[in-house]
Each structure stands twice: as C-alpha cells, then as structure tokens.
Amino acid sequence: MLGANDNHRVEESERNSYDVRIGALEKDVAVMQSSLATKDDFHALRSEMQAGHERILTLLYGHKLESQEALAADREDFHTALAQQREYFNAALAEQREYFNAALAEQREYFNAALAKQREEFNAALAKQREEFYAALAETKLDLHKSLIGHLWKLYGFASMMVAGVYFIARYVH
C-alpha cells in the first residue's frame, strides 16, 4: 500500500485487520456520499470510527503497560544477576586473597629460615675468623716477644762489651 508521499510501507506483510477495517469504512463513506446517506448514517459511521480509535488507543496503552512490565522484569533480572555476579566475584576475590596470603606467609617463612641459616653461617664464619685472628695475633705477639728478647740480649751484650771496654781502657791504658 502506498502512503501519501508514495513511499512503500515498512511492513510488506498482509494488511492487518485495522487497515482492512479502515478500507471498509472508506468504502462505506464513499458509498454514503454517492448515495446521499442520512445524518444517522454519518453519526453511526463516526461512532464506529471513534470506537475503532478507542480500541486502537486501548491496545496501544495495553502494549505500553506490557512493555513497561517486561522492562521492569528485565531490570529486576539484571539486578539479580548483577548481585549474584558481585557475590561470586567477592567470593573468588576472598579465595584469591587467602591463597595469596598463604603463599606470602609460606614465602616469608622460607625467607626467614634462609635468613636465619645465613645469619648462623655468617656468625660461624665470623667466629672462626675471630679465632684465627686471635691465634695469629697471639703467634705474632710471641714472635714479637722473642724478637724483643733477642734485641735485649744483643743490647745487653753490646752494653756489656762497652762496659768491659771502658773498664779495660780505664784500668790498663792509664
């Protein structure tokens, strides 16, 4: 069916009952005009057209209400699904947080154990180095005392020779 500006209708299906009824009414009007219908016929036709418009408006209003109810139901389903997804996400997040904290605690224990072991090894090596240092220091001290005593004996021998030389010179040379 072509419109007022010769555009085709969007819906190319069979004419619905409303279009058929309007077409019939248009024919009735044309027949009435051509047959000089009475005033009552025009009033009946007008009443029928108004009743048709009222039915159409009632159907449109009913469709609007159904659409709003369907939209409200969809919105409620969406919010329910969103709440369920939020709960699932929070549960998964809590589980992941527990797993992460457990792994972190395990890693902390491993790190502390390794640190304690390294500290013990370091303290043992430091104690061993200290003992070796004290042993080397004692040995060096002993060598120093031996060297000092050797120098003292040499000094004592030199002093003895000097005293003996002075005594010899003083007694036999004069």
N, C-alpha and C. Protein backbone atom coordinates (compact mmCIF):
# COMPACT_ATOMS: atom_id res chain seq x y z
N MET A 1 0.84 -1.17 0.00
CA MET A 1 0.00 0.00 0.00
C MET A 1 0.88 1.23 0.00
N LEU A 2 0.62 2.18 -0.80
CA LEU A 2 1.41 3.38 -0.90
C LEU A 2 0.86 4.43 0.03
N GLY A 3 1.76 5.24 0.60
CA GLY A 3 1.33 6.30 1.51
C GLY A 3 1.04 7.57 0.75
N ALA A 4 0.92 8.67 1.50
CA ALA A 4 0.59 9.96 0.90
C ALA A 4 1.72 10.45 0.01
N ASN A 5 2.96 10.13 0.35
CA ASN A 5 4.09 10.61 -0.45
C ASN A 5 4.69 9.50 -1.30
N ASP A 6 3.91 8.50 -1.63
CA ASP A 6 4.29 7.38 -2.49
C ASP A 6 5.45 6.56 -1.94
N ASN A 7 5.61 6.51 -0.64
CA ASN A 7 6.62 5.64 -0.03
C ASN A 7 5.96 4.31 0.30
N HIS A 8 6.71 3.23 0.14
CA HIS A 8 6.19 1.92 0.48
C HIS A 8 6.15 1.78 1.99
N ARG A 9 5.24 0.99 2.47
CA ARG A 9 5.16 0.75 3.91
C ARG A 9 6.37 -0.05 4.37
N VAL A 10 6.73 0.14 5.62
CA VAL A 10 7.86 -0.60 6.17
C VAL A 10 7.52 -2.08 6.24
N GLU A 11 6.28 -2.37 6.59
CA GLU A 11 5.86 -3.76 6.74
C GLU A 11 5.18 -4.18 5.45
N GLU A 12 5.73 -5.16 4.75
CA GLU A 12 5.20 -5.62 3.48
C GLU A 12 4.36 -6.88 3.66
N SER A 13 3.82 -7.08 4.84
CA SER A 13 3.04 -8.30 5.08
C SER A 13 1.58 -8.05 4.69
N GLU A 14 0.75 -9.03 4.97
CA GLU A 14 -0.67 -8.90 4.69
C GLU A 14 -1.24 -7.72 5.46
N ARG A 15 -2.26 -7.12 4.93
CA ARG A 15 -2.88 -5.99 5.61
C ARG A 15 -3.52 -6.50 6.89
N ASN A 16 -3.27 -5.77 7.97
CA ASN A 16 -3.86 -6.23 9.23
C ASN A 16 -5.33 -5.83 9.29
N SER A 17 -5.99 -6.25 10.35
CA SER A 17 -7.44 -6.04 10.44
C SER A 17 -7.79 -4.56 10.53
N TYR A 18 -6.91 -3.78 11.12
CA TYR A 18 -7.19 -2.34 11.23
C TYR A 18 -7.21 -1.70 9.85
N ASP A 19 -6.21 -2.04 9.02
CA ASP A 19 -6.17 -1.49 7.66
C ASP A 19 -7.38 -1.94 6.85
N VAL A 20 -7.77 -3.19 7.04
CA VAL A 20 -8.94 -3.71 6.32
C VAL A 20 -10.19 -2.96 6.75
N ARG A 21 -10.29 -2.74 8.07
CA ARG A 21 -11.47 -2.05 8.60
C ARG A 21 -11.52 -0.61 8.11
N ILE A 22 -10.36 0.07 8.12
CA ILE A 22 -10.32 1.45 7.62
C ILE A 22 -10.71 1.48 6.14
N GLY A 23 -10.19 0.52 5.40
CA GLY A 23 -10.55 0.46 3.97
C GLY A 23 -12.05 0.28 3.78
N ALA A 24 -12.62 -0.58 4.63
CA ALA A 24 -14.07 -0.81 4.54
C ALA A 24 -14.83 0.45 4.90
N LEU A 25 -14.34 1.15 5.93
CA LEU A 25 -15.00 2.39 6.32
C LEU A 25 -14.90 3.44 5.21
N GLU A 26 -13.74 3.50 4.58
CA GLU A 26 -13.59 4.45 3.48
C GLU A 26 -14.57 4.13 2.34
N LYS A 27 -14.73 2.84 2.08
CA LYS A 27 -15.70 2.45 1.04
C LYS A 27 -17.12 2.84 1.46
N ASP A 28 -17.41 2.59 2.77
CA ASP A 28 -18.75 2.94 3.26
C ASP A 28 -18.99 4.43 3.13
N VAL A 29 -17.98 5.23 3.46
CA VAL A 29 -18.12 6.68 3.35
C VAL A 29 -18.34 7.06 1.89
N ALA A 30 -17.56 6.45 1.00
CA ALA A 30 -17.72 6.76 -0.42
C ALA A 30 -19.11 6.38 -0.91
N VAL A 31 -19.61 5.22 -0.45
CA VAL A 31 -20.95 4.78 -0.87
C VAL A 31 -22.00 5.73 -0.32
N MET A 32 -21.81 6.14 0.97
CA MET A 32 -22.78 7.04 1.58
C MET A 32 -22.79 8.39 0.86
N GLN A 33 -21.60 8.85 0.52
CA GLN A 33 -21.55 10.14 -0.17
C GLN A 33 -22.20 10.04 -1.54
N SER A 34 -21.96 8.93 -2.17
CA SER A 34 -22.53 8.79 -3.51
C SER A 34 -24.03 8.50 -3.45
N SER A 35 -24.51 7.92 -2.38
CA SER A 35 -25.93 7.59 -2.30
C SER A 35 -26.70 8.56 -1.41
N LEU A 36 -26.04 9.66 -1.05
CA LEU A 36 -26.67 10.68 -0.23
C LEU A 36 -27.21 10.07 1.06
N ALA A 37 -26.23 9.60 1.88
CA ALA A 37 -26.60 8.92 3.12
C ALA A 37 -27.21 9.92 4.09
N THR A 38 -27.89 9.40 5.07
CA THR A 38 -28.58 10.23 6.05
C THR A 38 -27.63 10.65 7.15
N LYS A 39 -28.12 11.57 7.97
CA LYS A 39 -27.33 12.08 9.08
C LYS A 39 -27.06 10.97 10.09
N ASP A 40 -28.02 10.11 10.31
CA ASP A 40 -27.83 8.99 11.25
C ASP A 40 -26.74 8.05 10.76
N ASP A 41 -26.67 7.87 9.45
CA ASP A 41 -25.61 7.01 8.91
C ASP A 41 -24.24 7.62 9.20
N PHE A 42 -24.14 8.94 9.05
CA PHE A 42 -22.85 9.59 9.34
C PHE A 42 -22.51 9.50 10.83
N HIS A 43 -23.54 9.67 11.69
CA HIS A 43 -23.30 9.54 13.13
C HIS A 43 -22.89 8.12 13.50
N ALA A 44 -23.51 7.15 12.89
CA ALA A 44 -23.16 5.75 13.15
C ALA A 44 -21.73 5.48 12.68
N LEU A 45 -21.42 6.04 11.50
CA LEU A 45 -20.06 5.86 10.97
C LEU A 45 -19.05 6.55 11.88
N ARG A 46 -19.38 7.76 12.33
CA ARG A 46 -18.48 8.49 13.23
C ARG A 46 -18.32 7.71 14.54
N SER A 47 -19.38 7.18 15.08
CA SER A 47 -19.32 6.40 16.32
C SER A 47 -18.46 5.15 16.13
N GLU A 48 -18.64 4.52 15.00
CA GLU A 48 -17.85 3.32 14.72
C GLU A 48 -16.37 3.66 14.59
N MET A 49 -16.09 4.79 13.94
CA MET A 49 -14.68 5.20 13.80
C MET A 49 -14.10 5.58 15.16
N GLN A 50 -14.88 6.28 15.98
CA GLN A 50 -14.39 6.63 17.31
C GLN A 50 -14.16 5.38 18.15
N ALA A 51 -15.06 4.42 18.04
CA ALA A 51 -14.89 3.16 18.77
C ALA A 51 -13.63 2.44 18.29
N GLY A 52 -13.39 2.49 16.98
CA GLY A 52 -12.16 1.88 16.44
C GLY A 52 -10.92 2.58 16.98
N HIS A 53 -10.97 3.91 17.02
CA HIS A 53 -9.84 4.66 17.57
C HIS A 53 -9.64 4.35 19.05
N GLU A 54 -10.75 4.25 19.78
CA GLU A 54 -10.66 3.91 21.21
C GLU A 54 -10.04 2.53 21.40
N ARG A 55 -10.44 1.57 20.56
CA ARG A 55 -9.84 0.23 20.65
C ARG A 55 -8.34 0.28 20.36
N ILE A 56 -7.99 1.08 19.34
CA ILE A 56 -6.56 1.21 19.00
C ILE A 56 -5.80 1.83 20.15
N LEU A 57 -6.34 2.92 20.72
CA LEU A 57 -5.67 3.57 21.85
C LEU A 57 -5.58 2.63 23.05
N THR A 58 -6.63 1.86 23.29
CA THR A 58 -6.61 0.88 24.39
C THR A 58 -5.53 -0.17 24.16
N LEU A 59 -5.45 -0.65 22.91
CA LEU A 59 -4.42 -1.64 22.59
C LEU A 59 -3.02 -1.04 22.74
N LEU A 60 -2.84 0.21 22.28
CA LEU A 60 -1.53 0.86 22.43
C LEU A 60 -1.17 1.04 23.90
N TYR A 61 -2.16 1.46 24.71
CA TYR A 61 -1.90 1.64 26.14
C TYR A 61 -1.58 0.29 26.79
N GLY A 62 -2.32 -0.75 26.40
CA GLY A 62 -2.03 -2.09 26.93
C GLY A 62 -0.63 -2.55 26.54
N HIS A 63 -0.25 -2.27 25.29
CA HIS A 63 1.09 -2.63 24.83
C HIS A 63 2.15 -1.85 25.61
N LYS A 64 1.86 -0.58 25.87
CA LYS A 64 2.80 0.23 26.66
C LYS A 64 2.97 -0.36 28.06
N LEU A 65 1.84 -0.73 28.69
CA LEU A 65 1.92 -1.34 30.03
C LEU A 65 2.70 -2.65 30.01
N GLU A 66 2.43 -3.48 29.00
CA GLU A 66 3.16 -4.75 28.88
C GLU A 66 4.66 -4.51 28.69
N SER A 67 4.99 -3.51 27.87
CA SER A 67 6.41 -3.18 27.64
C SER A 67 7.06 -2.71 28.93
N GLN A 68 6.34 -1.87 29.68
CA GLN A 68 6.90 -1.39 30.95
C GLN A 68 7.07 -2.53 31.95
N GLU A 69 6.10 -3.43 32.00
CA GLU A 69 6.22 -4.58 32.90
C GLU A 69 7.38 -5.48 32.49
N ALA A 70 7.51 -5.70 31.18
CA ALA A 70 8.62 -6.53 30.70
C ALA A 70 9.95 -5.86 30.99
N LEU A 71 10.01 -4.53 30.82
CA LEU A 71 11.23 -3.80 31.12
C LEU A 71 11.56 -3.87 32.60
N ALA A 72 10.54 -3.74 33.45
CA ALA A 72 10.76 -3.84 34.90
C ALA A 72 11.23 -5.25 35.27
N ALA A 73 10.64 -6.27 34.65
CA ALA A 73 11.07 -7.65 34.92
C ALA A 73 12.50 -7.86 34.46
N ASP A 74 12.84 -7.34 33.28
CA ASP A 74 14.22 -7.46 32.79
C ASP A 74 15.19 -6.72 33.70
N ARG A 75 14.79 -5.53 34.18
CA ARG A 75 15.64 -4.77 35.08
C ARG A 75 15.86 -5.55 36.38
N GLU A 76 14.79 -6.15 36.90
CA GLU A 76 14.90 -6.94 38.13
C GLU A 76 15.82 -8.15 37.92
N ASP A 77 15.65 -8.83 36.77
CA ASP A 77 16.53 -9.96 36.45
C ASP A 77 17.98 -9.51 36.34
N PHE A 78 18.18 -8.34 35.72
CA PHE A 78 19.54 -7.82 35.56
C PHE A 78 20.16 -7.53 36.91
N HIS A 79 19.39 -6.87 37.80
CA HIS A 79 19.92 -6.55 39.12
C HIS A 79 20.19 -7.82 39.94
N THR A 80 19.34 -8.81 39.79
CA THR A 80 19.56 -10.09 40.47
C THR A 80 20.83 -10.76 39.96
N ALA A 81 20.98 -10.78 38.64
CA ALA A 81 22.19 -11.38 38.05
C ALA A 81 23.43 -10.60 38.45
N LEU A 82 23.31 -9.27 38.50
CA LEU A 82 24.44 -8.44 38.89
C LEU A 82 24.82 -8.69 40.35
N ALA A 83 23.82 -8.82 41.22
CA ALA A 83 24.11 -9.12 42.63
C ALA A 83 24.75 -10.49 42.77
N GLN A 84 24.26 -11.46 42.01
CA GLN A 84 24.84 -12.80 42.06
C GLN A 84 26.28 -12.78 41.55
N GLN A 85 26.52 -12.04 40.48
CA GLN A 85 27.88 -11.94 39.95
C GLN A 85 28.79 -11.22 40.94
N ARG A 86 28.26 -10.19 41.63
CA ARG A 86 29.04 -9.48 42.64
C ARG A 86 29.43 -10.44 43.78
N GLU A 87 28.46 -11.26 44.23
CA GLU A 87 28.75 -12.23 45.29
C GLU A 87 29.80 -13.24 44.82
N TYR A 88 29.66 -13.72 43.59
CA TYR A 88 30.63 -14.67 43.05
C TYR A 88 32.01 -14.03 42.97
N PHE A 89 32.05 -12.78 42.50
CA PHE A 89 33.33 -12.08 42.37
C PHE A 89 33.96 -11.87 43.74
N ASN A 90 33.15 -11.45 44.73
CA ASN A 90 33.69 -11.25 46.08
C ASN A 90 34.19 -12.56 46.68
N ALA A 91 33.47 -13.65 46.43
CA ALA A 91 33.91 -14.95 46.94
C ALA A 91 35.22 -15.36 46.27
N ALA A 92 35.31 -15.17 44.95
CA ALA A 92 36.55 -15.51 44.24
C ALA A 92 37.69 -14.62 44.70
N LEU A 93 37.39 -13.34 44.94
CA LEU A 93 38.42 -12.41 45.42
C LEU A 93 38.90 -12.81 46.81
N ALA A 94 37.98 -13.21 47.68
CA ALA A 94 38.36 -13.65 49.03
C ALA A 94 39.21 -14.92 48.96
N GLU A 95 38.82 -15.84 48.08
CA GLU A 95 39.60 -17.07 47.92
C GLU A 95 41.01 -16.75 47.39
N GLN A 96 41.08 -15.86 46.43
CA GLN A 96 42.38 -15.47 45.88
C GLN A 96 43.21 -14.76 46.94
N ARG A 97 42.56 -13.93 47.76
CA ARG A 97 43.27 -13.23 48.83
C ARG A 97 43.83 -14.23 49.84
N GLU A 98 43.03 -15.26 50.19
CA GLU A 98 43.51 -16.30 51.11
C GLU A 98 44.70 -17.04 50.51
N TYR A 99 44.58 -17.40 49.23
CA TYR A 99 45.68 -18.11 48.58
C TYR A 99 46.93 -17.24 48.55
N PHE A 100 46.76 -15.95 48.23
CA PHE A 100 47.89 -15.03 48.18
C PHE A 100 48.52 -14.88 49.56
N ASN A 101 47.69 -14.72 50.60
CA ASN A 101 48.23 -14.58 51.96
C ASN A 101 48.94 -15.85 52.40
N ALA A 102 48.40 -17.02 52.04
CA ALA A 102 49.06 -18.28 52.39
C ALA A 102 50.41 -18.39 51.68
N ALA A 103 50.43 -18.04 50.39
CA ALA A 103 51.69 -18.09 49.64
C ALA A 103 52.68 -17.08 50.20
N LEU A 104 52.19 -15.92 50.57
CA LEU A 104 53.05 -14.89 51.15
C LEU A 104 53.61 -15.34 52.50
N ALA A 105 52.77 -15.98 53.32
CA ALA A 105 53.24 -16.48 54.61
C ALA A 105 54.28 -17.58 54.42
N GLU A 106 54.02 -18.46 53.45
CA GLU A 106 54.99 -19.53 53.17
C GLU A 106 56.31 -18.94 52.69
N GLN A 107 56.23 -17.96 51.81
CA GLN A 107 57.45 -17.32 51.31
C GLN A 107 58.17 -16.58 52.44
N ARG A 108 57.41 -15.95 53.34
CA ARG A 108 58.01 -15.25 54.47
C ARG A 108 58.73 -16.25 55.38
N GLU A 109 58.09 -17.41 55.64
CA GLU A 109 58.73 -18.44 56.47
C GLU A 109 60.01 -18.95 55.80
N TYR A 110 59.93 -19.20 54.49
CA TYR A 110 61.11 -19.66 53.77
C TYR A 110 62.22 -18.61 53.83
N PHE A 111 61.85 -17.35 53.62
CA PHE A 111 62.83 -16.27 53.66
C PHE A 111 63.44 -16.14 55.05
N ASN A 112 62.61 -16.21 56.10
CA ASN A 112 63.13 -16.10 57.46
C ASN A 112 64.04 -17.28 57.80
N ALA A 113 63.68 -18.49 57.33
CA ALA A 113 64.53 -19.66 57.56
C ALA A 113 65.87 -19.49 56.83
N ALA A 114 65.81 -19.04 55.58
CA ALA A 114 67.04 -18.83 54.83
C ALA A 114 67.88 -17.73 55.46
N LEU A 115 67.23 -16.68 55.95
CA LEU A 115 67.94 -15.59 56.60
C LEU A 115 68.58 -16.06 57.91
N ALA A 116 67.86 -16.88 58.68
CA ALA A 116 68.42 -17.41 59.93
C ALA A 116 69.61 -18.33 59.63
N LYS A 117 69.48 -19.16 58.60
CA LYS A 117 70.58 -20.05 58.22
C LYS A 117 71.79 -19.22 57.78
N GLN A 118 71.55 -18.21 56.98
CA GLN A 118 72.64 -17.35 56.51
C GLN A 118 73.28 -16.61 57.68
N ARG A 119 72.45 -16.17 58.64
CA ARG A 119 72.97 -15.48 59.82
C ARG A 119 73.85 -16.43 60.64
N GLU A 120 73.39 -17.69 60.81
CA GLU A 120 74.19 -18.68 61.55
C GLU A 120 75.51 -18.95 60.84
N GLU A 121 75.45 -19.12 59.51
CA GLU A 121 76.68 -19.35 58.76
C GLU A 121 77.62 -18.15 58.87
N PHE A 122 77.05 -16.95 58.79
CA PHE A 122 77.87 -15.74 58.89
C PHE A 122 78.49 -15.63 60.28
N ASN A 123 77.69 -15.89 61.32
CA ASN A 123 78.23 -15.83 62.68
C ASN A 123 79.29 -16.90 62.91
N ALA A 124 79.08 -18.11 62.35
CA ALA A 124 80.09 -19.17 62.48
C ALA A 124 81.38 -18.76 61.75
N ALA A 125 81.24 -18.22 60.54
CA ALA A 125 82.42 -17.79 59.80
C ALA A 125 83.12 -16.64 60.51
N LEU A 126 82.33 -15.72 61.08
CA LEU A 126 82.91 -14.61 61.82
C LEU A 126 83.63 -15.10 63.07
N ALA A 127 83.04 -16.06 63.78
CA ALA A 127 83.69 -16.62 64.98
C ALA A 127 84.98 -17.35 64.59
N LYS A 128 84.93 -18.11 63.49
CA LYS A 128 86.13 -18.81 63.03
C LYS A 128 87.22 -17.80 62.64
N GLN A 129 86.83 -16.74 61.94
CA GLN A 129 87.79 -15.71 61.54
C GLN A 129 88.37 -15.01 62.78
N ARG A 130 87.51 -14.77 63.79
CA ARG A 130 87.98 -14.14 65.02
C ARG A 130 88.98 -15.05 65.74
N GLU A 131 88.67 -16.35 65.80
CA GLU A 131 89.60 -17.29 66.45
C GLU A 131 90.93 -17.34 65.70
N GLU A 132 90.85 -17.38 64.36
CA GLU A 132 92.09 -17.39 63.57
C GLU A 132 92.87 -16.10 63.78
N PHE A 133 92.14 -14.97 63.85
CA PHE A 133 92.81 -13.69 64.08
C PHE A 133 93.48 -13.68 65.45
N TYR A 134 92.75 -14.14 66.49
CA TYR A 134 93.35 -14.17 67.84
C TYR A 134 94.54 -15.12 67.89
N ALA A 135 94.47 -16.26 67.20
CA ALA A 135 95.60 -17.19 67.16
C ALA A 135 96.78 -16.55 66.45
N ALA A 136 96.51 -15.87 65.31
CA ALA A 136 97.59 -15.20 64.58
C ALA A 136 98.16 -14.05 65.41
N LEU A 137 97.29 -13.34 66.13
CA LEU A 137 97.75 -12.25 66.99
C LEU A 137 98.61 -12.78 68.12
N ALA A 138 98.19 -13.90 68.72
CA ALA A 138 98.99 -14.49 69.80
C ALA A 138 100.34 -14.96 69.25
N GLU A 139 100.32 -15.56 68.07
CA GLU A 139 101.57 -16.02 67.46
C GLU A 139 102.48 -14.84 67.13
N THR A 140 101.90 -13.77 66.59
CA THR A 140 102.68 -12.56 66.28
C THR A 140 103.21 -11.94 67.56
N LYS A 141 102.41 -11.95 68.60
CA LYS A 141 102.84 -11.41 69.89
C LYS A 141 104.01 -12.21 70.44
N LEU A 142 103.93 -13.54 70.30
CA LEU A 142 105.02 -14.41 70.76
C LEU A 142 106.28 -14.15 69.94
N ASP A 143 106.12 -14.03 68.61
CA ASP A 143 107.28 -13.72 67.76
C ASP A 143 107.87 -12.36 68.11
N LEU A 144 107.01 -11.39 68.40
CA LEU A 144 107.47 -10.05 68.79
C LEU A 144 108.23 -10.10 70.10
N HIS A 145 107.71 -10.86 71.07
CA HIS A 145 108.43 -11.01 72.35
C HIS A 145 109.78 -11.70 72.16
N LYS A 146 109.79 -12.71 71.31
CA LYS A 146 111.07 -13.40 71.04
C LYS A 146 112.05 -12.44 70.40
N SER A 147 111.54 -11.66 69.43
CA SER A 147 112.41 -10.70 68.75
C SER A 147 112.88 -9.63 69.73
N LEU A 148 112.00 -9.16 70.59
CA LEU A 148 112.35 -8.14 71.59
C LEU A 148 113.38 -8.69 72.58
N ILE A 149 113.17 -9.91 73.01
CA ILE A 149 114.15 -10.53 73.93
C ILE A 149 115.49 -10.71 73.23
N GLY A 150 115.45 -11.09 71.93
CA GLY A 150 116.70 -11.23 71.18
C GLY A 150 117.42 -9.89 71.09
N HIS A 151 116.67 -8.81 70.83
CA HIS A 151 117.29 -7.49 70.77
C HIS A 151 117.82 -7.06 72.13
N LEU A 152 117.06 -7.40 73.16
CA LEU A 152 117.55 -7.07 74.52
C LEU A 152 118.86 -7.80 74.83
N TRP A 153 118.97 -9.06 74.44
CA TRP A 153 120.21 -9.80 74.67
C TRP A 153 121.35 -9.18 73.88
N LYS A 154 121.04 -8.76 72.65
CA LYS A 154 122.08 -8.11 71.84
C LYS A 154 122.49 -6.79 72.48
N LEU A 155 121.50 -6.01 72.95
CA LEU A 155 121.79 -4.75 73.61
C LEU A 155 122.58 -5.00 74.92
N TYR A 156 122.16 -6.04 75.65
CA TYR A 156 122.87 -6.39 76.88
C TYR A 156 124.31 -6.81 76.56
N GLY A 157 124.47 -7.57 75.48
CA GLY A 157 125.82 -7.98 75.08
C GLY A 157 126.65 -6.78 74.65
N PHE A 158 126.04 -5.87 73.90
CA PHE A 158 126.76 -4.68 73.46
C PHE A 158 127.10 -3.80 74.66
N ALA A 159 126.14 -3.64 75.56
CA ALA A 159 126.40 -2.82 76.75
C ALA A 159 127.48 -3.48 77.61
N SER A 160 127.45 -4.79 77.70
CA SER A 160 128.49 -5.49 78.47
C SER A 160 129.85 -5.28 77.85
N MET A 161 129.91 -5.32 76.53
CA MET A 161 131.19 -5.09 75.86
C MET A 161 131.65 -3.66 76.05
N MET A 162 130.74 -2.74 76.03
CA MET A 162 131.11 -1.34 76.24
C MET A 162 131.64 -1.14 77.66
N VAL A 163 130.95 -1.72 78.60
CA VAL A 163 131.38 -1.57 80.00
C VAL A 163 132.74 -2.27 80.17
N ALA A 164 132.90 -3.42 79.56
CA ALA A 164 134.18 -4.13 79.67
C ALA A 164 135.28 -3.36 78.96
N GLY A 165 134.95 -2.74 77.82
CA GLY A 165 135.94 -1.94 77.10
C GLY A 165 136.31 -0.69 77.88
N VAL A 166 135.37 -0.02 78.47
CA VAL A 166 135.66 1.17 79.26
C VAL A 166 136.48 0.76 80.49
N TYR A 167 136.10 -0.34 81.11
CA TYR A 167 136.85 -0.81 82.28
C TYR A 167 138.28 -1.17 81.87
N PHE A 168 138.43 -1.85 80.71
CA PHE A 168 139.76 -2.23 80.26
C PHE A 168 140.60 -1.00 79.94
N ILE A 169 140.01 -0.06 79.26
CA ILE A 169 140.74 1.16 78.92
C ILE A 169 141.07 1.92 80.19
N ALA A 170 140.17 2.01 81.07
CA ALA A 170 140.41 2.78 82.29
C ALA A 170 141.44 2.09 83.16
N ARG A 171 141.52 0.82 83.19
CA ARG A 171 142.43 0.15 84.09
C ARG A 171 143.80 -0.07 83.45
N TYR A 172 143.85 -0.50 82.22
CA TYR A 172 145.14 -0.85 81.65
C TYR A 172 145.74 0.25 80.79
N VAL A 173 144.99 1.11 80.29
CA VAL A 173 145.53 2.12 79.39
C VAL A 173 146.07 3.28 80.22
N HIS A 174 145.60 3.64 81.27
CA HIS A 174 146.07 4.77 82.06
C HIS A 174 147.10 4.38 83.00
